[in-house]
Amino acid sequence: MEKLHIAIAGISEMRWAGSGETTTSDSNLVLHSGNSDGSRYGVGIFVSKRIKKALVSWEPISDRIMTARFNAMPRRKTQTTTPRTTSILPLQQPSTSYRKVTLTSSWIDHICISRKWRHLLLDVRNKRGAAIDSDHELVIGELSIKLNRNHSRNTGNSQHRRAPPLNLHLLSDSTLKTRMTSTLREQLIPLEDHPWEHTCRQLRTTAEEILGLQQRGRSDWISEGTWDLIRRRNHLKPLANQLTQYREEYHGLCRAVKRSARKDKRAQQDRLAADAERAAGENNMRSLYQQIARFTGTHHKQNKPVRDLEGNLLSNDDAQIRRWRQHFMGISHTTTPNVAIDYRSVLPPSGSSRIPSAPPNVREIVNAIKKLKHNRAAGEDNIPAELLQVDTQLMAEILHPHFLRIWEGETVPAS
């Protein structure tokens, strides 16, 4: 999809069980609608991570048809996917204020566009060089449409977005950890007038410069022999389309590519199974579950649409939120949510209390930092526990003025 600059793709013969939306490892979105077992039919819509913000809603009608609405100018556009029509939009930088949108269908299929939208059609071409090992040819039509961000699906504040994860495993290297400690001692000075945001920004910037960010990469399980067969097949395809004497050799190469790819996939599964067995023998549960997730393919986030009381699917985000609220209100046997209590107005019990009223000191902060667990997601400040434990004494001295300010002012920073 990225190689062909495709942003939105309608997919037929999806053969995924049920209906729902799945976020891939590349943060792309896949919407699918199929039958209960996923043995036949099924349709889907691929939405790129750059375009999924324009998605308004989608509806799985059956295993043969589904619809999706996108926020576009001059009005919202509805995309319909059936087994006989496929639509694809590419990622292209707009030359003007509008974005070029490409609709693609198979050679035996058609692109249907209404009279109201036909003036947006810019060009139609046939792409015969797509190596998809099929007798279908791609027909591409370009539309001039501007896609807008759908704010209902992106209500979060951009300032509190989760930052990319750091390469925290590099802290096991003693040399790198010593360099990290010395750099933090040079840049971070325990001053009372420094705000908490400044401290977080300095700590995060230093960690990104020394440790770097994690790069999501896929293991190249396809062998060089398979790639050689793919290159030979792609080179022979134009000749097979024109001359009949090359068609038998082309079909033989297609079968050879499939056999070689299955062999490579089986070898990769054997490697994952061996790694999982080794992790189980070493009692490394975290690595074991990671290998199992890679082996079974269950590491993708999947969100299935919610149904209302009448059994109808709710694919709109606002409708799903209202349904969840109705569900929890029903199981709690309440008609109105509980009113938040102002605990500042509650008076402490009279007499001596075993709870200390003095603010925490540096030693208590050091002990609290040492008790933090590893391999946990960072909070809104994007500071993981491993980063605080690089130098517990330094971080306790840095955090102590902030804790005093919170203790005396009874206000917590937003981040």
Protein backbone atom coordinates (compact mmCIF):
# COMPACT_ATOMS: atom_id res chain seq x y z
CA MET A 1 0.00 0.00 0.00
CA GLU A 2 2.76 2.45 0.88
CA LYS A 3 4.72 1.59 -2.25
CA LEU A 4 1.73 2.42 -4.45
CA HIS A 5 0.85 5.50 -2.32
CA ILE A 6 -2.57 4.07 -1.49
CA ALA A 7 -4.55 5.74 1.28
CA ILE A 8 -7.98 4.04 1.17
CA ALA A 9 -8.52 0.64 -0.45
CA GLY A 10 -11.68 -1.40 -0.83
CA ILE A 11 -10.91 -5.12 -0.52
CA SER A 12 -13.07 -8.01 -1.74
CA GLU A 13 -12.80 -11.67 -0.70
CA MET A 14 -11.49 -10.56 2.70
CA ARG A 15 -12.44 -13.86 4.39
CA TRP A 16 -12.16 -12.51 7.95
CA ALA A 17 -14.63 -13.82 10.49
CA GLY A 18 -17.16 -11.35 11.90
CA SER A 19 -16.98 -7.58 11.58
CA GLY A 20 -14.81 -5.00 13.30
CA GLU A 21 -11.85 -2.69 12.94
CA THR A 22 -8.21 -3.66 13.42
CA THR A 23 -5.18 -1.41 13.90
CA THR A 24 -2.08 -2.92 12.29
CA SER A 25 1.48 -2.67 13.57
CA ASP A 26 2.03 0.28 11.18
CA SER A 27 -0.92 2.18 12.76
CA ASN A 28 -3.07 1.65 9.66
CA LEU A 29 -6.77 0.84 10.03
CA VAL A 30 -8.54 -2.18 8.52
CA LEU A 31 -12.36 -2.37 8.57
CA HIS A 32 -13.90 -5.72 7.71
CA SER A 33 -17.32 -7.31 7.39
CA GLY A 34 -17.77 -11.05 6.92
CA ASN A 35 -19.74 -14.08 7.98
CA SER A 36 -19.34 -15.94 11.27
CA ASP A 37 -16.69 -18.46 10.18
CA GLY A 38 -14.87 -16.36 7.57
CA SER A 39 -14.67 -19.24 5.10
CA ARG A 40 -16.13 -17.38 2.10
CA TYR A 41 -16.74 -13.88 0.81
CA GLY A 42 -16.14 -10.98 3.15
CA VAL A 43 -15.24 -7.38 2.29
CA GLY A 44 -12.97 -4.82 3.89
CA ILE A 45 -11.64 -1.27 3.67
CA PHE A 46 -8.00 -0.38 4.26
CA VAL A 47 -7.48 3.14 5.65
CA SER A 48 -4.01 4.61 5.89
CA LYS A 49 -2.81 6.14 9.15
CA ARG A 50 -2.70 9.57 7.45
CA ILE A 51 -6.27 9.38 6.20
CA LYS A 52 -8.01 7.56 9.06
CA LYS A 53 -8.52 10.88 10.85
CA ALA A 54 -11.02 11.78 8.12
CA LEU A 55 -13.14 8.66 8.83
CA VAL A 56 -16.55 9.66 10.20
CA SER A 57 -18.30 6.30 10.56
CA TRP A 58 -18.63 2.91 8.91
CA GLU A 59 -21.30 0.22 8.79
CA PRO A 60 -20.88 -3.53 8.14
CA ILE A 61 -24.04 -4.44 6.22
CA SER A 62 -23.26 -8.05 5.27
CA ASP A 63 -20.42 -10.25 4.05
CA ARG A 64 -20.92 -8.78 0.55
CA ILE A 65 -21.19 -5.05 1.19
CA MET A 66 -20.11 -2.41 3.72
CA THR A 67 -20.03 1.38 3.73
CA ALA A 68 -17.72 4.02 5.21
CA ARG A 69 -18.13 7.81 5.43
CA PHE A 70 -15.22 10.24 5.17
CA ASN A 71 -15.17 13.93 5.97
CA ALA A 72 -14.35 15.51 2.60
CA MET A 73 -14.94 18.76 0.82
CA PRO A 74 -17.35 19.95 -0.43
CA ARG A 75 -19.39 17.40 1.56
CA ARG A 76 -18.98 14.10 3.37
CA LYS A 77 -18.35 11.23 1.00
CA THR A 78 -19.69 7.68 1.41
CA GLN A 79 -17.45 4.83 0.22
CA THR A 80 -19.17 1.52 -0.58
CA THR A 81 -17.26 -1.75 -0.94
CA THR A 82 -18.70 -4.84 -2.61
CA PRO A 83 -17.05 -7.94 -4.08
CA ARG A 84 -17.34 -6.41 -7.57
CA THR A 85 -16.04 -2.91 -6.86
CA THR A 86 -12.80 -1.82 -5.27
CA SER A 87 -11.80 1.74 -4.40
CA ILE A 88 -8.33 2.99 -3.52
CA LEU A 89 -7.11 6.47 -2.60
CA PRO A 90 -3.37 7.26 -2.74
CA LEU A 91 -1.20 9.39 -0.48
CA GLN A 92 -0.16 12.31 -2.67
CA GLN A 93 0.87 15.77 -1.65
CA PRO A 94 -1.74 18.24 -2.93
CA SER A 95 -0.48 20.68 -5.53
CA THR A 96 -3.24 23.13 -4.57
CA SER A 97 -5.67 23.31 -1.68
CA TYR A 98 -7.19 19.98 -2.74
CA ARG A 99 -5.78 16.47 -2.40
CA LYS A 100 -5.68 14.11 -5.36
CA VAL A 101 -7.67 10.99 -4.61
CA THR A 102 -7.33 7.78 -6.64
CA LEU A 103 -10.07 5.20 -7.02
CA THR A 104 -8.89 1.78 -8.21
CA SER A 105 -10.84 -1.27 -9.30
CA SER A 106 -10.04 -4.62 -10.90
CA TRP A 107 -9.91 -5.11 -14.65
CA ILE A 108 -13.25 -6.92 -14.72
CA ASP A 109 -14.82 -4.41 -12.30
CA HIS A 110 -15.99 -0.86 -12.78
CA ILE A 111 -15.65 2.52 -11.13
CA CYS A 112 -19.09 3.98 -10.46
CA ILE A 113 -19.36 7.70 -9.79
CA SER A 114 -22.53 9.74 -9.53
CA ARG A 115 -23.40 12.68 -11.74
CA LYS A 116 -22.81 15.09 -8.85
CA TRP A 117 -19.20 13.95 -8.36
CA ARG A 118 -18.16 13.24 -11.94
CA HIS A 119 -16.67 16.71 -12.46
CA LEU A 120 -14.08 15.81 -9.80
CA LEU A 121 -12.76 12.95 -11.95
CA LEU A 122 -9.38 13.98 -13.33
CA ASP A 123 -7.87 10.95 -15.05
CA VAL A 124 -8.41 7.21 -15.60
CA ARG A 125 -5.61 4.78 -16.41
CA ASN A 126 -4.96 1.05 -16.55
CA LYS A 127 -2.07 -0.24 -14.41
CA ARG A 128 -0.94 -3.54 -15.91
CA GLY A 129 2.36 -3.78 -14.07
CA ALA A 130 0.99 -4.48 -10.58
CA ALA A 131 2.53 -7.79 -9.44
CA ILE A 132 -0.43 -9.29 -7.58
CA ASP A 133 -0.35 -12.76 -9.18
CA SER A 134 -3.84 -12.42 -10.60
CA ASP A 135 -5.56 -12.15 -13.97
CA HIS A 136 -7.12 -8.86 -12.84
CA GLU A 137 -5.65 -5.58 -13.99
CA LEU A 138 -5.89 -2.36 -11.96
CA VAL A 139 -7.83 0.59 -13.31
CA ILE A 140 -7.03 3.86 -11.53
CA GLY A 141 -9.09 7.03 -11.59
CA GLU A 142 -7.99 10.24 -9.88
CA LEU A 143 -10.45 12.48 -8.04
CA SER A 144 -9.80 15.95 -6.65
CA ILE A 145 -11.17 15.79 -3.10
CA LYS A 146 -10.05 17.47 0.10
CA LEU A 147 -10.21 15.25 3.18
CA ASN A 148 -10.69 16.94 6.56
CA ARG A 149 -9.92 15.70 10.05
CA ASN A 150 -12.91 14.24 11.86
CA HIS A 151 -12.69 15.78 15.33
CA SER A 152 -15.15 13.32 16.87
CA ARG A 153 -12.62 10.51 16.39
CA ASN A 154 -9.70 12.62 17.65
CA THR A 155 -10.93 14.31 20.78
CA GLY A 156 -7.68 13.91 22.69
CA ASN A 157 -5.39 16.82 23.31
CA SER A 158 -2.34 16.77 21.06
CA GLN A 159 -0.16 17.89 23.96
CA HIS A 160 -0.87 14.66 25.85
CA ARG A 161 -0.27 12.25 22.99
CA ARG A 162 1.87 9.29 23.92
CA ALA A 163 5.41 9.74 22.67
CA PRO A 164 7.18 6.94 20.78
CA PRO A 165 8.84 4.38 23.08
CA LEU A 166 12.53 4.64 23.88
CA ASN A 167 15.21 1.99 23.43
CA LEU A 168 15.24 1.22 27.15
CA HIS A 169 16.91 -2.15 26.60
CA LEU A 170 20.13 -0.25 25.82
CA LEU A 171 20.37 0.70 29.52
CA SER A 172 21.67 -2.82 30.18
CA ASP A 173 24.97 -1.62 28.70
CA SER A 174 27.02 -0.24 31.60
CA THR A 175 28.95 2.20 29.40
CA LEU A 176 25.80 3.73 27.95
CA LYS A 177 24.15 3.88 31.35
CA THR A 178 27.18 5.72 32.79
CA ARG A 179 27.06 8.20 29.91
CA MET A 180 23.34 8.70 30.49
CA THR A 181 23.93 9.35 34.19
CA SER A 182 26.70 11.89 33.61
CA THR A 183 24.66 13.74 30.96
CA LEU A 184 21.65 13.97 33.27
CA ARG A 185 23.80 15.30 36.11
CA GLU A 186 25.12 18.03 33.80
CA GLN A 187 21.76 19.11 32.39
CA LEU A 188 19.36 18.55 35.28
CA ILE A 189 19.90 20.84 38.25
CA PRO A 190 17.55 20.62 41.25
CA LEU A 191 16.14 24.15 41.23
CA GLU A 192 12.90 25.16 42.88
CA ASP A 193 11.91 27.67 40.22
CA HIS A 194 11.99 25.16 37.35
CA PRO A 195 8.49 23.98 36.37
CA TRP A 196 7.71 20.29 36.05
CA GLU A 197 7.17 20.58 32.29
CA HIS A 198 10.73 21.87 31.88
CA THR A 199 12.11 18.91 33.84
CA CYS A 200 10.11 16.39 31.78
CA ARG A 201 11.19 18.00 28.53
CA GLN A 202 14.87 17.97 29.51
CA LEU A 203 14.72 14.36 30.68
CA ARG A 204 12.89 13.18 27.57
CA THR A 205 15.18 15.07 25.18
CA THR A 206 18.31 13.66 26.80
CA ALA A 207 16.94 10.11 26.63
CA GLU A 208 16.02 10.46 22.95
CA GLU A 209 19.48 11.76 22.06
CA ILE A 210 21.36 8.98 23.88
CA LEU A 211 19.01 5.98 23.69
CA GLY A 212 17.01 6.81 20.59
CA LEU A 213 13.48 5.73 19.68
CA GLN A 214 12.26 2.25 18.90
CA GLN A 215 11.82 1.57 15.20
CA ARG A 216 8.97 -0.69 14.25
CA GLY A 217 10.43 -3.10 11.77
CA ARG A 218 9.12 -6.34 10.36
CA SER A 219 11.29 -9.42 10.12
CA ASP A 220 12.18 -10.15 6.51
CA TRP A 221 11.01 -13.77 6.44
CA ILE A 222 11.00 -14.00 2.62
CA SER A 223 14.24 -15.62 1.47
CA GLU A 224 16.45 -14.37 -1.33
CA GLY A 225 15.47 -17.34 -3.49
CA THR A 226 11.80 -16.36 -3.26
CA TRP A 227 12.61 -12.77 -4.19
CA ASP A 228 14.54 -14.04 -7.21
CA LEU A 229 11.48 -16.03 -8.33
CA ILE A 230 9.29 -12.94 -7.84
CA ARG A 231 11.62 -10.82 -9.98
CA ARG A 232 11.61 -13.44 -12.73
CA ARG A 233 7.81 -13.64 -12.60
CA ASN A 234 7.43 -9.86 -12.79
CA HIS A 235 9.85 -9.70 -15.72
CA LEU A 236 7.95 -12.41 -17.60
CA LYS A 237 4.46 -11.01 -16.98
CA PRO A 238 4.45 -8.41 -19.86
CA LEU A 239 5.59 -11.11 -22.30
CA ALA A 240 2.92 -13.54 -21.06
CA ASN A 241 0.23 -10.90 -21.62
CA GLN A 242 1.25 -10.49 -25.26
CA LEU A 243 2.61 -13.90 -26.37
CA THR A 244 0.95 -17.23 -25.63
CA GLN A 245 4.19 -19.27 -25.61
CA TYR A 246 5.28 -17.56 -22.37
CA ARG A 247 2.05 -18.09 -20.45
CA GLU A 248 2.79 -21.65 -19.33
CA GLU A 249 6.20 -20.60 -18.00
CA TYR A 250 4.60 -17.61 -16.24
CA HIS A 251 2.00 -19.78 -14.51
CA GLY A 252 4.75 -22.19 -13.47
CA LEU A 253 6.68 -19.32 -11.87
CA CYS A 254 3.51 -18.23 -10.04
CA ARG A 255 3.17 -21.69 -8.55
CA ALA A 256 6.86 -21.76 -7.65
CA VAL A 257 6.56 -18.41 -5.84
CA LYS A 258 3.66 -19.70 -3.76
CA ARG A 259 5.51 -22.91 -2.83
CA SER A 260 8.66 -21.01 -1.88
CA ALA A 261 6.70 -18.43 0.15
CA ARG A 262 4.93 -21.19 2.08
CA LYS A 263 8.30 -22.79 2.81
CA ASP A 264 9.72 -19.47 4.08
CA LYS A 265 6.65 -18.85 6.22
CA ARG A 266 6.94 -22.30 7.76
CA ALA A 267 10.62 -21.67 8.53
CA GLN A 268 9.76 -18.40 10.23
CA GLN A 269 7.12 -20.13 12.36
CA ASP A 270 9.68 -22.75 13.36
CA ARG A 271 12.06 -19.99 14.46
CA LEU A 272 9.34 -18.27 16.50
CA ALA A 273 8.40 -21.59 18.13
CA ALA A 274 12.05 -22.26 19.01
CA ASP A 275 12.41 -18.78 20.52
CA ALA A 276 9.21 -19.28 22.56
CA GLU A 277 10.47 -22.65 23.81
CA ARG A 278 13.81 -21.12 24.78
CA ALA A 279 12.06 -18.27 26.63
CA ALA A 280 9.88 -20.76 28.49
CA GLY A 281 12.97 -22.72 29.52
CA GLU A 282 14.59 -19.55 30.85
CA ASN A 283 11.36 -18.59 32.69
CA ASN A 284 11.20 -15.34 30.70
CA MET A 285 7.43 -14.90 30.60
CA ARG A 286 7.50 -11.50 28.89
CA SER A 287 9.53 -12.78 25.94
CA LEU A 288 7.40 -15.93 25.82
CA TYR A 289 4.13 -14.02 25.47
CA GLN A 290 5.69 -11.71 22.88
CA GLN A 291 6.73 -14.66 20.73
CA ILE A 292 3.28 -16.24 21.11
CA ALA A 293 1.64 -12.97 20.01
CA ARG A 294 3.90 -12.80 16.93
CA PHE A 295 3.25 -16.45 16.13
CA THR A 296 -0.53 -16.25 16.43
CA GLY A 297 -0.85 -12.74 14.97
CA THR A 298 -2.89 -11.49 17.94
CA HIS A 299 -0.66 -8.47 18.66
CA HIS A 300 -2.84 -6.18 16.54
CA LYS A 301 -5.41 -4.06 18.32
CA GLN A 302 -8.93 -5.00 17.30
CA ASN A 303 -12.12 -3.15 18.11
CA LYS A 304 -15.47 -4.72 17.30
CA PRO A 305 -18.55 -2.53 16.91
CA VAL A 306 -20.99 -2.37 19.80
CA ARG A 307 -24.65 -3.33 19.47
CA ASP A 308 -27.57 -1.47 20.98
CA LEU A 309 -30.40 -3.05 22.98
CA GLU A 310 -32.20 -4.02 19.76
CA GLY A 311 -29.14 -5.78 18.30
CA ASN A 312 -28.23 -3.12 15.74
CA LEU A 313 -24.55 -2.40 15.13
CA LEU A 314 -23.24 0.97 16.33
CA SER A 315 -20.19 1.93 14.27
CA ASN A 316 -20.26 5.61 15.23
CA ASP A 317 -17.93 6.56 18.10
CA ASP A 318 -20.44 8.82 19.84
CA ALA A 319 -23.15 6.17 19.68
CA GLN A 320 -20.78 3.55 21.12
CA ILE A 321 -19.82 5.84 24.00
CA ARG A 322 -23.49 6.47 24.79
CA ARG A 323 -24.15 2.71 24.70
CA TRP A 324 -21.28 1.98 27.08
CA ARG A 325 -22.56 4.65 29.44
CA GLN A 326 -26.04 3.12 29.29
CA HIS A 327 -24.56 -0.33 29.98
CA PHE A 328 -22.58 0.72 33.05
CA MET A 329 -25.47 2.79 34.37
CA GLY A 330 -27.65 -0.31 34.07
CA ILE A 331 -25.33 -2.66 35.93
CA SER A 332 -24.76 -0.09 38.68
CA HIS A 333 -28.55 0.33 39.17
CA THR A 334 -28.35 4.11 39.08
CA THR A 335 -30.12 6.70 36.99
CA THR A 336 -27.62 9.54 37.39
CA PRO A 337 -23.86 9.42 37.79
CA ASN A 338 -22.39 9.97 41.22
CA VAL A 339 -21.53 13.55 42.06
CA ALA A 340 -17.84 14.10 42.63
CA ILE A 341 -17.06 14.72 46.30
CA ASP A 342 -14.75 17.54 47.27
CA TYR A 343 -12.46 15.74 49.68
CA ARG A 344 -10.83 19.00 50.74
CA SER A 345 -13.98 19.85 52.70
CA VAL A 346 -13.80 16.59 54.67
CA LEU A 347 -12.26 17.22 58.07
CA PRO A 348 -9.65 14.75 59.35
CA PRO A 349 -10.55 12.70 62.45
CA SER A 350 -9.76 14.23 65.79
CA GLY A 351 -6.91 12.87 67.89
CA SER A 352 -3.56 11.46 66.93
CA SER A 353 -3.17 10.00 63.42
CA ARG A 354 -0.63 7.43 62.26
CA ILE A 355 -0.46 9.11 58.84
CA PRO A 356 2.54 11.49 58.73
CA SER A 357 1.69 15.09 57.89
CA ALA A 358 5.23 16.10 56.94
CA PRO A 359 6.13 16.32 53.22
CA PRO A 360 8.15 13.42 51.74
CA ASN A 361 11.90 13.67 52.03
CA VAL A 362 14.57 12.65 49.51
CA ARG A 363 15.10 9.19 51.02
CA GLU A 364 11.41 8.33 50.78
CA ILE A 365 11.37 9.43 47.13
CA VAL A 366 14.43 7.24 46.44
CA ASN A 367 12.68 4.20 47.96
CA ALA A 368 9.53 4.91 45.94
CA ILE A 369 11.50 5.14 42.67
CA LYS A 370 13.27 1.84 43.37
CA LYS A 371 9.91 0.08 43.83
CA LEU A 372 8.63 1.10 40.38
CA LYS A 373 8.09 -1.87 38.06
CA HIS A 374 9.75 -2.21 34.67
CA ASN A 375 8.10 -2.76 31.28
CA ARG A 376 5.15 -0.53 32.10
CA ALA A 377 3.68 2.15 29.84
CA ALA A 378 4.62 5.72 30.67
CA GLY A 379 2.03 8.19 31.91
CA GLU A 380 1.06 11.55 30.46
CA ASP A 381 4.57 12.87 31.15
CA ASN A 382 6.03 10.17 28.80
CA ILE A 383 8.70 9.29 31.40
CA PRO A 384 9.03 5.49 31.92
CA ALA A 385 10.15 4.00 35.22
CA GLU A 386 13.45 2.75 33.77
CA LEU A 387 14.45 6.33 32.99
CA LEU A 388 13.87 7.43 36.58
CA GLN A 389 15.93 4.52 37.88
CA VAL A 390 19.06 5.42 35.92
CA ASP A 391 20.18 7.55 38.89
CA THR A 392 17.68 7.32 41.74
CA GLN A 393 19.51 9.80 43.98
CA LEU A 394 19.65 12.47 41.26
CA MET A 395 16.00 11.96 40.26
CA ALA A 396 14.91 12.13 43.92
CA GLU A 397 16.73 15.46 44.31
CA ILE A 398 15.10 16.72 41.10
CA LEU A 399 11.61 15.58 42.15
CA HIS A 400 11.81 16.77 45.75
CA PRO A 401 11.15 20.51 45.01
CA HIS A 402 8.19 19.56 42.82
CA PHE A 403 6.73 17.33 45.53
CA LEU A 404 7.11 20.13 48.07
CA ARG A 405 5.28 22.53 45.76
CA ILE A 406 2.47 19.99 45.27
CA TRP A 407 2.30 19.26 48.99
CA GLU A 408 2.05 22.90 50.00
CA GLY A 409 -0.07 24.21 47.13
CA GLU A 410 -2.30 21.10 46.82
CA THR A 411 -2.22 21.36 43.04
CA VAL A 412 -0.86 18.76 40.63
CA PRO A 413 0.70 19.81 37.27
CA ALA A 414 -1.39 19.05 34.21
CA SER A 415 1.30 16.80 32.74
